[in-house]
Amino acid sequence: MKRLFAALLLAASGAGLSACGFQPVYAPVDGKFAEGGLIEIDTISGRPGHMLRQALLQELALGVPGLTESVVLSVRLDDDLTRLAFQPDGAASRSSVLATGVYTLQGETVSVTGAVDVETGFLVPDSPYGDIAAQTSASDRAMRLLAKRIADDIRLQFAAK
């Protein structure tokens, strides 16, 4: 009875699975990512790039004081995992994610460039899956911190003008 009621409810609403509005996380909307404000942020490849782009969208959502024209922010991301300390058996015990973002903010009359780097460390857990989760978490933290530093650097460059 419950299944029949659920099927009737779904059919009556006129919404099938294809009309639910689901969109893949990394997929563009109509060929272009949704934007807001004066700053358009180009796509950055890979999972860390996606996390950096999302963090930049949040950091720059309020805009940049002194920016009055539409601009495009392009970021070249380079991230690397380094094993820092090792246990007597050769297993890593401490690791670090080093990320560098070289950015260009380009508009009709605006051209701002810069480079920012961050490093986040983490203790390596004993389990292999724990290591993967720790790497992912450290990478996400690095991308949020990198986005904040890029936004701060852009604001500082506009304040100096």
N, C-alpha and C. Protein backbone atom coordinates (compact mmCIF):
# COMPACT_ATOMS: atom_id res chain seq x y z
N MET A 1 0.82 -1.19 0.00
CA MET A 1 0.00 0.00 0.00
C MET A 1 0.86 1.25 0.00
N LYS A 2 1.93 1.22 0.81
CA LYS A 2 2.81 2.38 0.88
C LYS A 2 3.51 2.62 -0.45
N ARG A 3 3.90 1.54 -1.12
CA ARG A 3 4.57 1.68 -2.42
C ARG A 3 3.63 2.24 -3.47
N LEU A 4 2.38 1.79 -3.44
CA LEU A 4 1.39 2.29 -4.39
C LEU A 4 1.15 3.78 -4.14
N PHE A 5 1.06 4.17 -2.89
CA PHE A 5 0.85 5.58 -2.55
C PHE A 5 2.04 6.43 -3.01
N ALA A 6 3.25 5.93 -2.82
CA ALA A 6 4.45 6.67 -3.24
C ALA A 6 4.50 6.80 -4.75
N ALA A 7 4.14 5.73 -5.48
CA ALA A 7 4.13 5.78 -6.95
C ALA A 7 3.08 6.76 -7.44
N LEU A 8 1.90 6.76 -6.85
CA LEU A 8 0.85 7.69 -7.24
C LEU A 8 1.24 9.13 -6.93
N LEU A 9 1.89 9.34 -5.82
CA LEU A 9 2.32 10.68 -5.44
C LEU A 9 3.37 11.20 -6.43
N LEU A 10 4.28 10.36 -6.83
CA LEU A 10 5.31 10.74 -7.78
C LEU A 10 4.69 11.03 -9.15
N ALA A 11 3.76 10.20 -9.58
CA ALA A 11 3.11 10.40 -10.87
C ALA A 11 2.23 11.64 -10.86
N ALA A 12 1.57 11.91 -9.74
CA ALA A 12 0.68 13.07 -9.65
C ALA A 12 1.48 14.38 -9.63
N SER A 13 2.67 14.35 -9.09
CA SER A 13 3.46 15.58 -9.03
C SER A 13 4.03 15.94 -10.38
N GLY A 14 4.05 14.99 -11.32
CA GLY A 14 4.56 15.27 -12.65
C GLY A 14 6.08 15.37 -12.69
N ALA A 15 6.71 15.01 -11.61
CA ALA A 15 8.17 15.11 -11.55
C ALA A 15 8.78 13.72 -11.59
N GLY A 16 9.46 13.43 -12.65
CA GLY A 16 10.20 12.18 -12.72
C GLY A 16 11.62 12.43 -12.25
N LEU A 17 12.42 11.42 -12.31
CA LEU A 17 13.80 11.57 -11.87
C LEU A 17 14.57 12.54 -12.75
N SER A 18 14.23 12.60 -14.04
CA SER A 18 14.96 13.51 -14.91
C SER A 18 14.59 14.97 -14.67
N ALA A 19 13.48 15.23 -14.04
CA ALA A 19 13.05 16.60 -13.81
C ALA A 19 13.31 17.06 -12.39
N CYS A 20 14.14 16.35 -11.67
CA CYS A 20 14.37 16.71 -10.27
C CYS A 20 15.32 17.87 -10.10
N GLY A 21 16.01 18.27 -11.17
CA GLY A 21 16.92 19.39 -11.07
C GLY A 21 18.33 18.98 -10.70
N PHE A 22 18.62 17.69 -10.66
CA PHE A 22 19.95 17.22 -10.30
C PHE A 22 20.96 17.65 -11.35
N GLN A 23 22.09 18.18 -10.89
CA GLN A 23 23.20 18.53 -11.77
C GLN A 23 24.48 18.00 -11.13
N PRO A 24 25.34 17.38 -11.90
CA PRO A 24 26.61 16.92 -11.34
C PRO A 24 27.41 18.08 -10.77
N VAL A 25 28.19 17.82 -9.74
CA VAL A 25 28.93 18.86 -9.04
C VAL A 25 29.88 19.60 -9.95
N TYR A 26 30.61 18.88 -10.81
CA TYR A 26 31.65 19.50 -11.61
C TYR A 26 31.15 19.96 -12.98
N ALA A 27 29.87 19.79 -13.27
CA ALA A 27 29.37 20.09 -14.60
C ALA A 27 28.98 21.56 -14.74
N PRO A 28 29.26 22.14 -15.90
CA PRO A 28 28.84 23.52 -16.13
C PRO A 28 27.34 23.60 -16.35
N VAL A 29 26.79 24.77 -16.11
CA VAL A 29 25.37 25.03 -16.34
C VAL A 29 25.28 25.77 -17.67
N ASP A 30 24.66 25.18 -18.68
CA ASP A 30 24.56 25.76 -20.01
C ASP A 30 25.92 26.12 -20.58
N GLY A 31 26.91 25.28 -20.35
CA GLY A 31 28.24 25.50 -20.89
C GLY A 31 29.07 26.50 -20.10
N LYS A 32 28.49 27.14 -19.10
CA LYS A 32 29.23 28.14 -18.32
C LYS A 32 28.83 27.98 -16.87
N PHE A 33 29.78 28.16 -15.97
CA PHE A 33 29.47 28.05 -14.57
C PHE A 33 28.68 29.26 -14.13
N ALA A 34 27.79 29.06 -13.18
CA ALA A 34 26.97 30.15 -12.66
C ALA A 34 27.87 31.19 -12.01
N GLU A 35 27.65 32.44 -12.29
CA GLU A 35 28.47 33.52 -11.78
C GLU A 35 27.58 34.57 -11.13
N GLY A 36 28.17 35.40 -10.36
CA GLY A 36 27.45 36.52 -9.77
C GLY A 36 28.44 37.64 -9.53
N GLY A 37 28.00 38.87 -9.69
CA GLY A 37 28.86 40.00 -9.43
C GLY A 37 29.74 40.33 -10.61
N LEU A 38 30.78 41.13 -10.35
CA LEU A 38 31.67 41.60 -11.40
C LEU A 38 32.82 40.66 -11.71
N ILE A 39 33.07 39.69 -10.84
CA ILE A 39 34.23 38.82 -10.99
C ILE A 39 33.80 37.45 -11.48
N GLU A 40 34.27 37.09 -12.67
CA GLU A 40 34.04 35.75 -13.20
C GLU A 40 35.30 34.94 -12.94
N ILE A 41 35.16 33.75 -12.43
CA ILE A 41 36.31 32.92 -12.10
C ILE A 41 36.35 31.74 -13.07
N ASP A 42 37.45 31.66 -13.81
CA ASP A 42 37.62 30.55 -14.75
C ASP A 42 37.67 29.23 -14.00
N THR A 43 37.35 28.16 -14.72
CA THR A 43 37.43 26.83 -14.11
C THR A 43 38.90 26.48 -13.84
N ILE A 44 39.10 25.71 -12.81
CA ILE A 44 40.43 25.24 -12.42
C ILE A 44 40.33 23.72 -12.39
N SER A 45 41.22 23.05 -13.09
CA SER A 45 41.07 21.60 -13.26
C SER A 45 41.34 20.81 -11.99
N GLY A 46 40.71 19.66 -11.90
CA GLY A 46 40.91 18.73 -10.80
C GLY A 46 40.05 19.03 -9.59
N ARG A 47 40.05 18.09 -8.65
CA ARG A 47 39.29 18.25 -7.42
C ARG A 47 39.79 19.42 -6.59
N PRO A 48 41.11 19.54 -6.37
CA PRO A 48 41.59 20.71 -5.62
C PRO A 48 41.23 22.03 -6.32
N GLY A 49 41.28 22.02 -7.64
CA GLY A 49 40.91 23.22 -8.41
C GLY A 49 39.45 23.58 -8.22
N HIS A 50 38.60 22.56 -8.20
CA HIS A 50 37.18 22.82 -7.96
C HIS A 50 36.96 23.39 -6.56
N MET A 51 37.64 22.82 -5.58
CA MET A 51 37.51 23.32 -4.21
C MET A 51 38.02 24.75 -4.10
N LEU A 52 39.13 25.05 -4.78
CA LEU A 52 39.67 26.41 -4.78
C LEU A 52 38.70 27.37 -5.44
N ARG A 53 38.11 26.98 -6.55
CA ARG A 53 37.16 27.85 -7.24
C ARG A 53 35.94 28.14 -6.38
N GLN A 54 35.42 27.12 -5.71
CA GLN A 54 34.27 27.32 -4.83
C GLN A 54 34.62 28.25 -3.68
N ALA A 55 35.80 28.08 -3.11
CA ALA A 55 36.23 28.95 -2.01
C ALA A 55 36.44 30.38 -2.51
N LEU A 56 36.96 30.55 -3.73
CA LEU A 56 37.12 31.89 -4.30
C LEU A 56 35.77 32.55 -4.54
N LEU A 57 34.80 31.77 -5.01
CA LEU A 57 33.45 32.32 -5.20
C LEU A 57 32.89 32.85 -3.89
N GLN A 58 33.13 32.13 -2.79
CA GLN A 58 32.66 32.59 -1.48
C GLN A 58 33.44 33.81 -1.01
N GLU A 59 34.76 33.79 -1.16
CA GLU A 59 35.59 34.89 -0.68
C GLU A 59 35.33 36.19 -1.44
N LEU A 60 35.08 36.07 -2.75
CA LEU A 60 34.92 37.25 -3.59
C LEU A 60 33.46 37.61 -3.85
N ALA A 61 32.54 36.95 -3.15
CA ALA A 61 31.12 37.20 -3.36
C ALA A 61 30.74 38.65 -3.05
N LEU A 62 31.39 39.24 -2.07
CA LEU A 62 31.10 40.64 -1.72
C LEU A 62 31.80 41.63 -2.63
N GLY A 63 32.67 41.14 -3.48
CA GLY A 63 33.36 42.00 -4.43
C GLY A 63 34.68 42.52 -3.88
N VAL A 64 35.26 43.43 -4.63
CA VAL A 64 36.53 44.04 -4.27
C VAL A 64 36.32 45.55 -4.26
N PRO A 65 36.61 46.22 -3.14
CA PRO A 65 36.46 47.68 -3.10
C PRO A 65 37.33 48.34 -4.18
N GLY A 66 36.73 49.21 -4.95
CA GLY A 66 37.44 49.91 -6.02
C GLY A 66 37.30 49.26 -7.37
N LEU A 67 36.75 48.07 -7.44
CA LEU A 67 36.56 47.38 -8.71
C LEU A 67 35.19 47.76 -9.25
N THR A 68 35.16 48.37 -10.44
CA THR A 68 33.90 48.85 -11.00
C THR A 68 33.57 48.22 -12.35
N GLU A 69 34.44 47.38 -12.87
CA GLU A 69 34.17 46.75 -14.16
C GLU A 69 34.21 45.23 -14.04
N SER A 70 33.65 44.57 -15.03
CA SER A 70 33.67 43.11 -15.04
C SER A 70 35.07 42.62 -15.37
N VAL A 71 35.51 41.63 -14.61
CA VAL A 71 36.85 41.08 -14.79
C VAL A 71 36.78 39.56 -14.76
N VAL A 72 37.84 38.93 -15.24
CA VAL A 72 37.96 37.48 -15.23
C VAL A 72 39.19 37.12 -14.40
N LEU A 73 38.99 36.25 -13.42
CA LEU A 73 40.08 35.76 -12.58
C LEU A 73 40.49 34.38 -13.07
N SER A 74 41.76 34.25 -13.45
CA SER A 74 42.32 32.97 -13.87
C SER A 74 43.37 32.56 -12.85
N VAL A 75 43.34 31.31 -12.43
CA VAL A 75 44.28 30.82 -11.43
C VAL A 75 44.93 29.54 -11.97
N ARG A 76 46.26 29.52 -11.90
CA ARG A 76 46.99 28.29 -12.21
C ARG A 76 47.39 27.69 -10.87
N LEU A 77 46.92 26.50 -10.59
CA LEU A 77 47.12 25.85 -9.31
C LEU A 77 48.18 24.76 -9.43
N ASP A 78 49.09 24.77 -8.47
CA ASP A 78 50.10 23.71 -8.37
C ASP A 78 50.09 23.23 -6.92
N ASP A 79 49.70 21.97 -6.71
CA ASP A 79 49.68 21.44 -5.34
C ASP A 79 50.50 20.16 -5.28
N ASP A 80 51.13 19.95 -4.12
CA ASP A 80 52.04 18.83 -3.98
C ASP A 80 51.95 18.27 -2.57
N LEU A 81 51.97 16.96 -2.46
CA LEU A 81 51.99 16.27 -1.17
C LEU A 81 53.42 15.87 -0.86
N THR A 82 53.89 16.25 0.32
CA THR A 82 55.26 15.93 0.73
C THR A 82 55.22 15.16 2.04
N ARG A 83 55.95 14.07 2.11
CA ARG A 83 56.09 13.30 3.35
C ARG A 83 57.27 13.90 4.12
N LEU A 84 57.01 14.35 5.36
CA LEU A 84 58.02 15.07 6.12
C LEU A 84 58.77 14.22 7.13
N ALA A 85 58.08 13.37 7.85
CA ALA A 85 58.72 12.57 8.90
C ALA A 85 58.35 11.11 8.71
N PHE A 86 59.27 10.26 9.08
CA PHE A 86 59.05 8.83 8.89
C PHE A 86 59.26 8.08 10.20
N GLN A 87 58.53 7.00 10.34
CA GLN A 87 58.67 6.11 11.49
C GLN A 87 59.85 5.18 11.23
N PRO A 88 60.32 4.47 12.26
CA PRO A 88 61.46 3.56 12.07
C PRO A 88 61.22 2.49 11.00
N ASP A 89 59.94 2.09 10.78
CA ASP A 89 59.66 1.08 9.76
C ASP A 89 59.55 1.67 8.35
N GLY A 90 59.74 2.96 8.20
CA GLY A 90 59.71 3.60 6.89
C GLY A 90 58.38 4.22 6.52
N ALA A 91 57.35 4.01 7.32
CA ALA A 91 56.04 4.59 7.04
C ALA A 91 56.05 6.07 7.41
N ALA A 92 55.33 6.86 6.64
CA ALA A 92 55.26 8.30 6.90
C ALA A 92 54.46 8.56 8.16
N SER A 93 54.90 9.54 8.94
CA SER A 93 54.16 9.89 10.15
C SER A 93 53.65 11.34 10.10
N ARG A 94 54.25 12.16 9.27
CA ARG A 94 53.83 13.56 9.14
C ARG A 94 53.94 13.92 7.67
N SER A 95 52.91 14.59 7.15
CA SER A 95 52.89 14.99 5.75
C SER A 95 52.44 16.44 5.63
N SER A 96 52.61 16.97 4.44
CA SER A 96 52.29 18.37 4.20
C SER A 96 51.75 18.53 2.79
N VAL A 97 50.78 19.43 2.62
CA VAL A 97 50.27 19.80 1.31
C VAL A 97 50.73 21.22 1.05
N LEU A 98 51.51 21.41 -0.01
CA LEU A 98 51.98 22.72 -0.41
C LEU A 98 51.24 23.11 -1.68
N ALA A 99 50.55 24.24 -1.67
CA ALA A 99 49.78 24.69 -2.82
C ALA A 99 50.20 26.09 -3.20
N THR A 100 50.37 26.31 -4.50
CA THR A 100 50.73 27.62 -5.04
C THR A 100 49.68 28.01 -6.07
N GLY A 101 49.18 29.21 -5.96
CA GLY A 101 48.23 29.74 -6.91
C GLY A 101 48.79 30.99 -7.58
N VAL A 102 48.99 30.93 -8.88
CA VAL A 102 49.42 32.08 -9.66
C VAL A 102 48.18 32.60 -10.36
N TYR A 103 47.80 33.84 -10.05
CA TYR A 103 46.52 34.35 -10.54
C TYR A 103 46.71 35.59 -11.42
N THR A 104 45.72 35.79 -12.29
CA THR A 104 45.64 36.97 -13.14
C THR A 104 44.20 37.45 -13.12
N LEU A 105 44.01 38.71 -12.76
CA LEU A 105 42.69 39.35 -12.79
C LEU A 105 42.72 40.32 -13.96
N GLN A 106 41.94 40.02 -14.99
CA GLN A 106 42.03 40.77 -16.24
C GLN A 106 40.68 41.38 -16.60
N GLY A 107 40.70 42.66 -16.94
CA GLY A 107 39.52 43.36 -17.42
C GLY A 107 39.92 44.32 -18.52
N GLU A 108 39.02 45.24 -18.91
CA GLU A 108 39.36 46.19 -19.97
C GLU A 108 40.47 47.14 -19.54
N THR A 109 40.37 47.67 -18.33
CA THR A 109 41.39 48.62 -17.85
C THR A 109 42.14 48.09 -16.64
N VAL A 110 41.82 46.88 -16.21
CA VAL A 110 42.41 46.30 -15.00
C VAL A 110 43.27 45.10 -15.37
N SER A 111 44.46 45.06 -14.80
CA SER A 111 45.32 43.89 -14.95
C SER A 111 46.11 43.73 -13.66
N VAL A 112 45.77 42.69 -12.90
CA VAL A 112 46.42 42.43 -11.62
C VAL A 112 46.93 40.99 -11.65
N THR A 113 48.18 40.81 -11.28
CA THR A 113 48.75 39.46 -11.22
C THR A 113 49.41 39.26 -9.87
N GLY A 114 49.58 38.02 -9.51
CA GLY A 114 50.24 37.71 -8.24
C GLY A 114 50.38 36.22 -8.06
N ALA A 115 51.10 35.87 -7.02
CA ALA A 115 51.29 34.46 -6.66
C ALA A 115 51.19 34.33 -5.15
N VAL A 116 50.52 33.30 -4.71
CA VAL A 116 50.31 33.06 -3.28
C VAL A 116 50.56 31.58 -3.03
N ASP A 117 51.19 31.27 -1.91
CA ASP A 117 51.37 29.86 -1.57
C ASP A 117 51.00 29.61 -0.11
N VAL A 118 50.55 28.39 0.14
CA VAL A 118 50.16 27.98 1.49
C VAL A 118 50.68 26.56 1.73
N GLU A 119 50.78 26.23 3.00
CA GLU A 119 51.18 24.88 3.38
C GLU A 119 50.33 24.44 4.57
N THR A 120 49.76 23.26 4.46
CA THR A 120 49.02 22.68 5.58
C THR A 120 49.60 21.30 5.87
N GLY A 121 49.79 21.01 7.14
CA GLY A 121 50.36 19.73 7.54
C GLY A 121 49.33 18.87 8.24
N PHE A 122 49.64 17.59 8.30
CA PHE A 122 48.75 16.65 9.00
C PHE A 122 49.54 15.44 9.45
N LEU A 123 49.06 14.83 10.52
CA LEU A 123 49.63 13.57 11.00
C LEU A 123 49.03 12.44 10.19
N VAL A 124 49.84 11.50 9.79
CA VAL A 124 49.37 10.38 8.98
C VAL A 124 48.83 9.31 9.90
N PRO A 125 47.55 8.94 9.77
CA PRO A 125 47.00 7.86 10.58
C PRO A 125 47.57 6.50 10.16
N ASP A 126 47.35 5.50 10.99
CA ASP A 126 47.88 4.17 10.71
C ASP A 126 47.16 3.47 9.56
N SER A 127 45.88 3.71 9.39
CA SER A 127 45.13 2.99 8.37
C SER A 127 45.28 3.68 7.01
N PRO A 128 45.30 2.89 5.92
CA PRO A 128 45.46 3.48 4.59
C PRO A 128 44.30 4.40 4.21
N TYR A 129 43.08 4.02 4.59
CA TYR A 129 41.94 4.87 4.26
C TYR A 129 41.96 6.14 5.08
N GLY A 130 42.47 6.05 6.29
CA GLY A 130 42.62 7.24 7.11
C GLY A 130 43.62 8.22 6.50
N ASP A 131 44.65 7.69 5.85
CA ASP A 131 45.63 8.54 5.18
C ASP A 131 44.99 9.28 4.02
N ILE A 132 44.16 8.60 3.26
CA ILE A 132 43.47 9.24 2.13
C ILE A 132 42.54 10.34 2.63
N ALA A 133 41.81 10.07 3.69
CA ALA A 133 40.91 11.08 4.25
C ALA A 133 41.69 12.27 4.80
N ALA A 134 42.83 12.00 5.44
CA ALA A 134 43.65 13.09 5.97
C ALA A 134 44.23 13.93 4.84
N GLN A 135 44.65 13.30 3.74
CA GLN A 135 45.16 14.03 2.59
C GLN A 135 44.08 14.92 1.99
N THR A 136 42.88 14.37 1.84
CA THR A 136 41.77 15.13 1.28
C THR A 136 41.41 16.32 2.16
N SER A 137 41.35 16.09 3.46
CA SER A 137 41.04 17.16 4.40
C SER A 137 42.11 18.26 4.37
N ALA A 138 43.37 17.87 4.34
CA ALA A 138 44.45 18.85 4.28
C ALA A 138 44.42 19.64 2.98
N SER A 139 44.10 18.96 1.88
CA SER A 139 43.99 19.63 0.59
C SER A 139 42.84 20.64 0.60
N ASP A 140 41.70 20.26 1.15
CA ASP A 140 40.55 21.17 1.24
C ASP A 140 40.89 22.39 2.09
N ARG A 141 41.56 22.17 3.22
CA ARG A 141 41.98 23.30 4.07
C ARG A 141 42.94 24.22 3.32
N ALA A 142 43.86 23.62 2.59
CA ALA A 142 44.82 24.42 1.82
C ALA A 142 44.12 25.25 0.76
N MET A 143 43.10 24.69 0.10
CA MET A 143 42.39 25.44 -0.94
C MET A 143 41.59 26.60 -0.34
N ARG A 144 40.96 26.38 0.82
CA ARG A 144 40.24 27.47 1.47
C ARG A 144 41.20 28.59 1.89
N LEU A 145 42.34 28.21 2.44
CA LEU A 145 43.33 29.19 2.86
C LEU A 145 43.93 29.91 1.65
N LEU A 146 44.18 29.18 0.58
CA LEU A 146 44.72 29.78 -0.64
C LEU A 146 43.72 30.78 -1.23
N ALA A 147 42.45 30.43 -1.24
CA ALA A 147 41.42 31.35 -1.75
C ALA A 147 41.37 32.62 -0.91
N LYS A 148 41.45 32.48 0.40
CA LYS A 148 41.44 33.66 1.27
C LYS A 148 42.65 34.54 1.01
N ARG A 149 43.80 33.94 0.84
CA ARG A 149 45.01 34.74 0.59
C ARG A 149 44.98 35.39 -0.78
N ILE A 150 44.44 34.70 -1.79
CA ILE A 150 44.32 35.32 -3.12
C ILE A 150 43.37 36.51 -3.04
N ALA A 151 42.22 36.34 -2.39
CA ALA A 151 41.26 37.44 -2.26
C ALA A 151 41.87 38.61 -1.49
N ASP A 152 42.58 38.31 -0.41
CA ASP A 152 43.22 39.38 0.36
C ASP A 152 44.28 40.10 -0.47
N ASP A 153 45.06 39.34 -1.24
CA ASP A 153 46.10 39.94 -2.07
C ASP A 153 45.49 40.85 -3.14
N ILE A 154 44.40 40.41 -3.75
CA ILE A 154 43.72 41.23 -4.76
C ILE A 154 43.20 42.51 -4.12
N ARG A 155 42.58 42.40 -2.96
CA ARG A 155 42.06 43.59 -2.26
C ARG A 155 43.18 44.56 -1.89
N LEU A 156 44.32 44.02 -1.44
CA LEU A 156 45.45 44.86 -1.10
C LEU A 156 46.01 45.59 -2.33
N GLN A 157 46.05 44.90 -3.45
CA GLN A 157 46.54 45.54 -4.67
C GLN A 157 45.61 46.65 -5.14
N PHE A 158 44.31 46.47 -4.97
CA PHE A 158 43.37 47.53 -5.33
C PHE A 158 43.41 48.69 -4.34
N ALA A 159 43.69 48.39 -3.07
CA ALA A 159 43.79 49.44 -2.06
C ALA A 159 45.02 50.30 -2.29
N ALA A 160 46.08 49.73 -2.86
CA ALA A 160 47.32 50.47 -3.10
C ALA A 160 47.21 51.39 -4.31
N LYS A 161 46.21 51.19 -5.14
CA LYS A 161 46.05 52.02 -6.37
C LYS A 161 45.40 53.33 -6.06
